[in-house]
Structures are given as structure tokens and as C-alpha cells.
Amino acid sequence: MRRKLITLLALLPALAPAARLKDLVTLEGVRENQLIGYGVVVGLNGTGDRRQTVFGVQTLTNMLQQMGVSVPPSAIRVNNTASVMVTATLPPFGQPGGRIDVTVAAIGDATNLQGGQLILSSLKGVDGQVYAMAQGAVVTGGFIAGKGGSTQTVNHPTAGRVPNGATLERAAPSVAPAGRLRLQLKQADFTTAARIAQALNKKFNSPLANADNSGLVSVAVPAEFAARTTEFVAELETLQVEADRVARVIVNERTGTIVMGKDVHIAPVAIMHGALSVEIETTYQVSQPGPLASGTTATVPQVGVGAKEEKARQVQLKQGATVDDLIRGLMSIGSTPRDIIAILQSLQSAGALEADLQVI
């Protein structure tokens, strides 16, 4: 099957040259934190852990002992329970009593978590402190239908989510902005960092911002905002800044997708591209001996080799040509996505492609 070539030309910078500062930077110290815990999902319809999962039996035994029920581990069947890892993301400045989503994933040999209930589990941060407690019904995005050898599996039924399943018990370890702010660029770039500092100094009519490097801009909080740092950050976030973008071409060889920027140009170049196909075909003929002969029937392979080379097709690009012009020219002569990707790689090696080529 011949793949279709999809080319996307990024014209957004021409339509919206400026972006909000909150879309370009993050505030140092204001970040998410990862939480992790161990839990048990109960109420499964015989799709839980088997006896091979030893820690599932131990967990259930310990849980029953805390409730005053003493049962030997050898007498417990855990088909309706599953041991899971519970993970969540603690948002910055999360306060006790807030609710967050959690994700559960089976770590034993359970086959399906559909319809299960997560039992109270503690979620800890990297510092070992408990920041949230999780419990609730597990929602899976997949299922298993059928029995025996005739089954149908959709998505991953051994992982699911508990919406708003965790309650925060401790405030997030975020650093409150004060004194001097440090803005971290999401895409490090010297030009963008310098423009951000210039825009901030112009807005507040004071040299309070400085571009430390391509990924960091430090900003001093003005005296009038000394007691209102949150309002100062809100003022920064709405500032419009024109971000500089690197000329880049992204190629996905698996899907035949090419994404390019508006300012990607190609130096004057002539491209000649041909195709050579070699076909090897093997046929089998049967050698049959004559009547009353002493020979035996044998299969004799016949190998045929054929080579076909098409004439080279030429595309010429003049000064100021873009990748879009190249793509259209190559498609007009019937080039395949694989041909176009190979030509782009050759242009970069020759120094004719004035952009960064990334193959994913």
C-alpha cells in the first residue's frame, strides 16, 4: 500500500507574532511533584492476582489482621484482589483537603481491574512524607470479553484511574515567589530571553529584568509589589512577547509526515533522483522420468533475475526557495514519502538545507 505524504507548513508566527509570557516561561520553584504508593484493588470478578503473586497474599493478611481478623496466608485466595502501584501528581501550592486524580496499575498477574475498588492507600513524595490518601472506584479504559481461547482485549485493562480519588493531607513543597523571581524558558533561546528582559523593563519602566542565559531570566520585584507578589506575577503572565523560533524540519518516517517552519529555506540546488529496482523470481519445475525408467521425480528451481532502472528526474530550486517549494516539486514528479525524506537528509549533508532536520 502506498503511503500518503502529509506536509504541514507552520504559518502561526505570521498570524500571531506575539505570545503570552505565561506560555513561554515557568516560574522557578513553582512545579509539580510526583507521588507514589502501594495499594490493593478489591471487588474483581475473578481477574485478580493468582497464588504466584506472594505479596498480594501478604498484603491482604496484614490488612485483615489490622481489622481484628486472623487468617493464615495459606487459606487465602486472592482471585478478586489485585496489588497495584498508585501514582499521582501533586500540583504546585496544593493545599490540605484538595482532591487530585490517581492512576493505578497492576504489578502482579491480575488480568483485569475493571469494576475494582481501590482500598485506602497512602501516597508519598520523594522525601518519604505522606502527602495524600487515595481510595475509590477504578475506571479502566479497556476490557476483556470472551472466555477460554476466544477473547477480545481492548486497550489496557490492567491500568486505570480514580478521578478525584486522593485527598491532600499536606501542603505541596512549593517555593512562594518573593524578592527576585527566576523565569525559566520552556524552549531555551538567547534571542527570546533577551526580548523577554527588554519587554519587562519597558513595561515597568525600570531595569528590573536581566537575561542570565538562554534559559533563565531573573526579575526583581518592584517596591510597589513587595507585599503583592502574586499580583506582580499575574502582571508578568499577560505580557506579550515575540518568541524567536528555530528553523526546523521534523520528519516522521513511519507515517510519512513532514512538519516544517515558515522560515525554512533551501540554498540554490539541483536535485536528480532516479530509481533502480531489482527483482529476483524463483520458479520450480518438476523433472519427471520416462515410463519404466529408473529415475526419480525431482523439483528443479529456476532463478530469474531482472533489473530495471528509471530515468533520473530533476528538480531545480532557485534562490529563496523554501522546503514547501521542494515538497511540491518532488510530489509533482511522483516522489514517494521515502524519497522525499532521503532527499531532505541528503540536502542537510550537502549544507543546502538551512534548518535543523530531526527524524523521529
Protein backbone atom coordinates (compact mmCIF):
# COMPACT_ATOMS: atom_id res chain seq x y z
CA MET A 1 0.00 0.00 0.00
CA ARG A 2 1.37 3.39 -0.95
CA ARG A 3 1.55 5.85 1.91
CA LYS A 4 0.28 9.39 1.63
CA LEU A 5 2.58 12.29 2.36
CA ILE A 6 1.33 14.87 4.81
CA THR A 7 3.13 18.21 4.93
CA LEU A 8 2.30 20.89 7.47
CA LEU A 9 3.58 24.44 6.97
CA ALA A 10 3.70 26.37 10.25
CA LEU A 11 2.22 29.80 9.45
CA LEU A 12 1.24 30.61 13.02
CA PRO A 13 4.09 33.08 13.60
CA ALA A 14 2.79 35.26 10.75
CA LEU A 15 -0.73 35.28 12.16
CA ALA A 16 0.15 35.65 15.85
CA PRO A 17 3.70 37.07 16.19
CA ALA A 18 3.47 37.54 19.97
CA ALA A 19 2.70 35.06 22.74
CA ARG A 20 1.80 35.49 26.38
CA LEU A 21 4.73 35.26 28.75
CA LYS A 22 2.96 32.52 30.74
CA ASP A 23 3.09 30.34 27.61
CA LEU A 24 6.84 30.84 27.20
CA VAL A 25 8.22 30.52 30.73
CA THR A 26 7.69 28.79 34.06
CA LEU A 27 8.42 30.22 37.49
CA GLU A 28 11.31 28.54 39.27
CA GLY A 29 10.11 26.75 42.38
CA VAL A 30 6.51 26.51 41.14
CA ARG A 31 6.45 22.93 39.92
CA GLU A 32 4.55 19.68 40.19
CA ASN A 33 5.71 16.82 42.39
CA GLN A 34 5.28 13.10 41.79
CA LEU A 35 3.64 10.87 44.39
CA ILE A 36 3.74 7.08 44.61
CA GLY A 37 2.20 4.43 46.81
CA TYR A 38 1.23 0.79 47.07
CA GLY A 39 -2.39 -0.34 47.25
CA VAL A 40 -4.89 -3.13 46.78
CA VAL A 41 -7.86 -3.20 44.41
CA VAL A 42 -10.73 -5.43 45.58
CA GLY A 43 -14.08 -6.47 44.11
CA LEU A 44 -12.73 -8.01 40.90
CA ASN A 45 -14.66 -10.76 39.14
CA GLY A 46 -12.02 -13.48 39.43
CA THR A 47 -9.48 -11.46 37.41
CA GLY A 48 -7.15 -10.57 40.29
CA ASP A 49 -3.77 -11.92 41.35
CA ARG A 50 -3.08 -15.64 41.47
CA ARG A 51 -1.07 -17.53 44.08
CA GLN A 52 2.14 -16.76 42.20
CA THR A 53 1.88 -13.17 43.48
CA VAL A 54 3.12 -13.69 47.03
CA PHE A 55 2.99 -10.05 48.14
CA GLY A 56 -0.73 -9.87 47.34
CA VAL A 57 -1.50 -12.56 49.91
CA GLN A 58 0.81 -10.93 52.47
CA THR A 59 -0.86 -7.55 51.97
CA LEU A 60 -4.34 -8.96 52.40
CA THR A 61 -3.28 -10.90 55.53
CA ASN A 62 -1.77 -7.78 57.13
CA MET A 63 -4.87 -5.74 56.28
CA LEU A 64 -7.20 -8.31 57.87
CA GLN A 65 -5.05 -8.52 60.99
CA GLN A 66 -5.35 -4.73 61.47
CA MET A 67 -9.12 -5.20 61.39
CA GLY A 68 -9.01 -7.95 64.02
CA VAL A 69 -9.33 -10.91 61.64
CA SER A 70 -6.58 -13.53 61.85
CA VAL A 71 -6.33 -15.75 58.76
CA PRO A 72 -3.28 -17.82 57.75
CA PRO A 73 -1.88 -16.83 54.35
CA SER A 74 -2.23 -20.41 53.05
CA ALA A 75 -6.01 -20.21 53.46
CA ILE A 76 -6.47 -17.05 51.40
CA ARG A 77 -7.35 -16.96 47.73
CA VAL A 78 -6.81 -13.57 46.13
CA ASN A 79 -8.61 -14.03 42.82
CA ASN A 80 -10.78 -10.99 43.49
CA THR A 81 -7.98 -8.69 44.67
CA ALA A 82 -5.00 -7.20 42.86
CA SER A 83 -1.85 -5.49 44.09
CA VAL A 84 -1.31 -2.17 42.33
CA MET A 85 1.07 0.76 42.25
CA VAL A 86 -0.70 4.05 42.84
CA THR A 87 0.73 7.24 41.33
CA ALA A 88 -0.43 10.85 41.29
CA THR A 89 0.81 14.35 40.50
CA LEU A 90 0.81 16.90 43.32
CA PRO A 91 0.09 20.34 41.85
CA PRO A 92 2.07 23.38 42.99
CA PHE A 93 0.66 25.06 46.09
CA GLY A 94 -1.74 22.16 46.66
CA GLN A 95 -3.50 22.65 49.99
CA PRO A 96 -4.76 20.07 52.50
CA GLY A 97 -8.27 18.97 51.66
CA GLY A 98 -7.82 19.33 47.90
CA ARG A 99 -8.63 16.48 45.54
CA ILE A 100 -6.43 15.05 42.78
CA ASP A 101 -6.69 12.16 40.31
CA VAL A 102 -4.69 8.98 40.82
CA THR A 103 -3.57 6.23 38.46
CA VAL A 104 -3.40 2.56 39.43
CA ALA A 105 -1.52 -0.18 37.57
CA ALA A 106 -1.34 -3.88 38.36
CA ILE A 107 2.09 -5.14 39.45
CA GLY A 108 1.15 -8.82 39.83
CA ASP A 109 -0.50 -11.23 37.41
CA ALA A 110 -4.00 -9.73 37.55
CA THR A 111 -5.65 -9.68 34.13
CA ASN A 112 -8.35 -7.02 34.56
CA LEU A 113 -9.03 -4.21 37.04
CA GLN A 114 -12.47 -3.43 35.66
CA GLY A 115 -15.07 -2.85 38.38
CA GLY A 116 -12.48 -2.81 41.17
CA GLN A 117 -12.32 -0.60 44.25
CA LEU A 118 -9.04 0.87 45.48
CA ILE A 119 -8.65 0.47 49.23
CA LEU A 120 -7.22 3.33 51.31
CA SER A 121 -3.60 3.85 50.23
CA SER A 122 -1.03 6.45 51.26
CA LEU A 123 0.89 8.40 48.63
CA LYS A 124 4.40 9.58 49.45
CA GLY A 125 6.77 12.05 47.88
CA VAL A 126 10.48 11.67 47.24
CA ASP A 127 11.15 12.87 50.79
CA GLY A 128 9.20 9.93 52.25
CA GLN A 129 6.42 12.12 53.63
CA VAL A 130 2.74 11.20 53.09
CA TYR A 131 1.06 13.93 51.03
CA ALA A 132 -2.24 12.27 50.07
CA MET A 133 -4.56 9.35 50.80
CA ALA A 134 -6.25 7.59 47.89
CA GLN A 135 -9.41 5.49 47.72
CA GLY A 136 -12.24 5.00 45.24
CA ALA A 137 -13.63 3.15 42.25
CA VAL A 138 -11.20 2.32 39.44
CA VAL A 139 -12.19 3.41 35.94
CA THR A 140 -10.42 1.44 33.19
CA GLY A 141 -10.19 2.44 29.56
CA GLY A 142 -10.26 -1.17 28.34
CA PHE A 143 -11.93 -4.50 28.85
CA ILE A 144 -11.63 -8.22 28.12
CA ALA A 145 -14.57 -10.08 26.57
CA GLY A 146 -14.97 -13.82 25.99
CA LYS A 147 -13.74 -16.99 27.64
CA GLY A 148 -11.08 -19.59 27.15
CA GLY A 149 -9.17 -19.19 23.92
CA SER A 150 -11.78 -16.87 22.35
CA THR A 151 -11.20 -13.49 23.98
CA GLN A 152 -11.02 -9.92 22.80
CA THR A 153 -8.91 -7.33 24.64
CA VAL A 154 -9.38 -3.60 24.11
CA ASN A 155 -6.71 -1.15 25.32
CA HIS A 156 -5.06 -1.94 28.70
CA PRO A 157 -7.48 -3.27 31.33
CA THR A 158 -4.66 -3.71 33.88
CA ALA A 159 -4.36 0.06 34.41
CA GLY A 160 -6.96 2.65 35.31
CA ARG A 161 -7.70 5.93 37.03
CA VAL A 162 -9.58 7.05 40.12
CA PRO A 163 -10.97 10.53 39.35
CA ASN A 164 -10.57 12.82 42.36
CA GLY A 165 -9.57 9.70 44.25
CA ALA A 166 -6.93 11.23 46.53
CA THR A 167 -7.29 13.81 49.28
CA LEU A 168 -4.29 16.01 50.05
CA GLU A 169 -3.11 15.73 53.65
CA ARG A 170 -0.06 18.00 53.45
CA ALA A 171 0.70 21.24 51.59
CA ALA A 172 2.84 20.93 48.49
CA PRO A 173 6.53 21.83 48.99
CA SER A 174 6.38 24.83 46.62
CA VAL A 175 8.58 27.91 46.96
CA ALA A 176 6.49 31.07 47.24
CA PRO A 177 7.76 33.79 44.86
CA ALA A 178 9.33 36.71 46.71
CA GLY A 179 12.13 39.22 46.31
CA ARG A 180 13.62 38.13 42.99
CA LEU A 181 11.85 35.86 40.50
CA ARG A 182 13.58 33.46 38.13
CA LEU A 183 11.75 32.75 34.88
CA GLN A 184 12.72 29.50 33.14
CA LEU A 185 12.15 29.37 29.38
CA LYS A 186 10.34 26.28 28.12
CA GLN A 187 12.43 26.47 24.92
CA ALA A 188 15.88 27.84 25.67
CA ASP A 189 16.82 30.61 23.23
CA PHE A 190 19.11 33.62 23.67
CA THR A 191 17.02 35.88 21.45
CA THR A 192 13.78 35.08 23.23
CA ALA A 193 15.38 35.54 26.65
CA ALA A 194 16.73 38.97 25.63
CA ARG A 195 13.32 40.01 24.26
CA ILE A 196 11.60 38.97 27.50
CA ALA A 197 14.01 41.08 29.56
CA GLN A 198 13.54 44.07 27.24
CA ALA A 199 9.74 43.75 27.34
CA LEU A 200 9.71 43.59 31.14
CA ASN A 201 11.99 46.61 31.52
CA LYS A 202 9.85 48.60 29.07
CA LYS A 203 6.56 47.63 30.77
CA PHE A 204 7.68 48.69 34.26
CA ASN A 205 9.97 51.49 33.03
CA SER A 206 12.79 50.17 35.18
CA PRO A 207 15.82 47.86 34.65
CA LEU A 208 14.40 45.13 36.86
CA ALA A 209 14.87 42.18 34.44
CA ASN A 210 18.07 40.57 33.23
CA ALA A 211 18.63 37.66 30.84
CA ASP A 212 21.10 35.45 32.71
CA ASN A 213 21.40 32.90 29.88
CA SER A 214 19.36 31.31 27.11
CA GLY A 215 17.07 29.53 29.56
CA LEU A 216 16.76 31.90 32.52
CA VAL A 217 15.56 35.47 33.07
CA SER A 218 15.76 36.97 36.56
CA VAL A 219 13.28 39.66 37.60
CA ALA A 220 13.40 41.86 40.70
CA VAL A 221 10.05 42.53 42.36
CA PRO A 222 9.36 46.31 42.37
CA ALA A 223 8.85 48.05 45.68
CA GLU A 224 5.17 48.75 44.96
CA PHE A 225 4.58 45.00 44.59
CA ALA A 226 6.68 43.93 47.59
CA ALA A 227 3.60 42.81 49.53
CA ARG A 228 1.66 41.76 46.43
CA THR A 229 3.93 39.25 44.70
CA THR A 230 1.02 37.21 43.34
CA GLU A 231 -0.39 40.28 41.59
CA PHE A 232 3.05 41.04 40.16
CA VAL A 233 3.30 37.53 38.71
CA ALA A 234 -0.16 37.97 37.20
CA GLU A 235 1.05 41.17 35.53
CA LEU A 236 4.03 39.29 34.09
CA GLU A 237 1.94 36.46 32.69
CA THR A 238 -0.17 38.73 30.48
CA LEU A 239 2.85 40.41 28.87
CA GLN A 240 3.05 39.82 25.10
CA VAL A 241 6.49 38.76 23.82
CA GLU A 242 7.55 37.79 20.32
CA ALA A 243 9.36 34.47 20.64
CA ASP A 244 12.11 33.57 18.22
CA ARG A 245 11.75 30.15 16.65
CA VAL A 246 14.49 27.95 15.28
CA ALA A 247 14.20 26.88 11.65
CA ARG A 248 13.44 23.20 11.97
CA VAL A 249 12.06 20.35 9.86
CA ILE A 250 10.53 17.36 11.65
CA VAL A 251 10.25 14.12 9.71
CA ASN A 252 8.32 11.04 10.81
CA GLU A 253 9.49 8.24 8.55
CA ARG A 254 6.95 5.76 9.92
CA THR A 255 3.90 7.82 8.95
CA GLY A 256 5.35 9.90 6.12
CA THR A 257 4.67 13.18 7.93
CA ILE A 258 6.82 16.28 7.43
CA VAL A 259 6.35 19.34 9.64
CA MET A 260 8.30 22.46 8.75
CA GLY A 261 8.59 26.05 9.88
CA LYS A 262 7.69 29.08 7.82
CA ASP A 263 11.26 30.40 7.65
CA VAL A 264 12.94 27.20 6.42
CA HIS A 265 14.86 27.95 3.20
CA ILE A 266 16.99 25.94 0.80
CA ALA A 267 20.10 27.16 -0.97
CA PRO A 268 20.11 27.10 -4.80
CA VAL A 269 20.49 23.45 -5.71
CA ALA A 270 19.70 20.93 -8.44
CA ILE A 271 18.35 17.53 -7.43
CA MET A 272 18.47 14.43 -9.64
CA HIS A 273 16.71 11.40 -8.33
CA GLY A 274 16.15 8.04 -10.00
CA ALA A 275 15.01 4.57 -9.01
CA LEU A 276 16.64 1.20 -9.51
CA SER A 277 14.55 -1.90 -8.87
CA VAL A 278 15.95 -5.43 -8.84
CA GLU A 279 13.51 -8.35 -9.00
CA ILE A 280 14.53 -11.91 -8.25
CA GLU A 281 11.96 -14.59 -9.04
CA THR A 282 12.28 -18.28 -8.33
CA THR A 283 10.08 -20.83 -10.11
CA TYR A 284 10.04 -24.58 -9.56
CA GLN A 285 9.80 -27.11 -12.39
CA VAL A 286 9.16 -30.83 -11.94
CA SER A 287 11.52 -33.28 -13.70
CA GLN A 288 9.60 -36.45 -14.42
CA PRO A 289 11.43 -39.62 -15.64
CA GLY A 290 10.08 -41.53 -18.61
CA PRO A 291 7.93 -44.68 -18.38
CA LEU A 292 9.73 -47.73 -16.93
CA ALA A 293 12.81 -45.58 -16.29
CA SER A 294 14.88 -46.00 -13.14
CA GLY A 295 14.99 -42.27 -12.34
CA THR A 296 13.00 -40.43 -9.66
CA THR A 297 10.84 -37.36 -9.78
CA ALA A 298 12.73 -34.20 -8.74
CA THR A 299 11.92 -30.49 -8.28
CA VAL A 300 14.33 -28.19 -10.10
CA PRO A 301 14.39 -24.46 -9.08
CA GLN A 302 14.72 -21.91 -11.88
CA VAL A 303 16.01 -18.49 -10.73
CA GLY A 304 15.42 -15.42 -12.85
CA VAL A 305 16.98 -12.01 -12.17
CA GLY A 306 15.69 -8.80 -13.70
CA ALA A 307 16.85 -5.21 -13.19
CA LYS A 308 15.02 -2.04 -14.17
CA GLU A 309 16.31 1.48 -13.75
CA GLU A 310 14.14 4.53 -14.31
CA LYS A 311 15.45 7.73 -15.80
CA ALA A 312 16.60 10.34 -13.30
CA ARG A 313 14.07 13.08 -12.59
CA GLN A 314 15.35 16.59 -11.95
CA VAL A 315 14.12 19.43 -9.74
CA GLN A 316 15.82 22.83 -9.70
CA LEU A 317 15.42 25.32 -6.86
CA LYS A 318 16.36 28.96 -7.13
CA GLN A 319 17.46 31.46 -4.50
CA GLY A 320 14.89 31.90 -1.72
CA ALA A 321 13.19 28.57 -2.25
CA THR A 322 11.51 27.01 0.79
CA VAL A 323 11.00 23.43 1.87
CA ASP A 324 7.38 23.78 0.82
CA ASP A 325 8.54 24.55 -2.75
CA LEU A 326 10.77 21.48 -2.63
CA ILE A 327 7.98 19.21 -1.41
CA ARG A 328 5.58 20.41 -4.07
CA GLY A 329 8.19 19.95 -6.79
CA LEU A 330 9.06 16.43 -5.68
CA MET A 331 5.40 15.44 -5.40
CA SER A 332 4.76 16.74 -8.92
CA ILE A 333 7.26 14.22 -10.34
CA GLY A 334 5.75 11.35 -8.36
CA SER A 335 8.26 11.04 -5.50
CA THR A 336 7.23 8.83 -2.60
CA PRO A 337 7.46 9.87 1.08
CA ARG A 338 10.57 7.73 1.49
CA ASP A 339 12.17 9.51 -1.49
CA ILE A 340 11.42 12.95 -0.06
CA ILE A 341 12.80 12.03 3.37
CA ALA A 342 16.01 10.69 1.78
CA ILE A 343 16.39 13.87 -0.29
CA LEU A 344 15.95 16.09 2.78
CA GLN A 345 18.66 14.15 4.59
CA SER A 346 20.97 14.48 1.58
CA LEU A 347 20.31 18.23 1.40
CA GLN A 348 21.31 18.64 5.02
CA SER A 349 24.52 16.66 4.45
CA ALA A 350 25.30 18.88 1.47
CA GLY A 351 24.73 22.04 3.53
CA ALA A 352 21.85 23.22 1.32
CA LEU A 353 19.11 22.86 3.94
CA GLU A 354 19.16 25.96 6.14
CA ALA A 355 17.38 24.32 9.07
CA ASP A 356 17.72 21.67 11.74
CA LEU A 357 16.46 18.31 10.46
CA GLN A 358 15.06 15.93 13.07
CA VAL A 359 13.91 12.41 12.20
CA ILE A 360 11.57 10.83 14.75
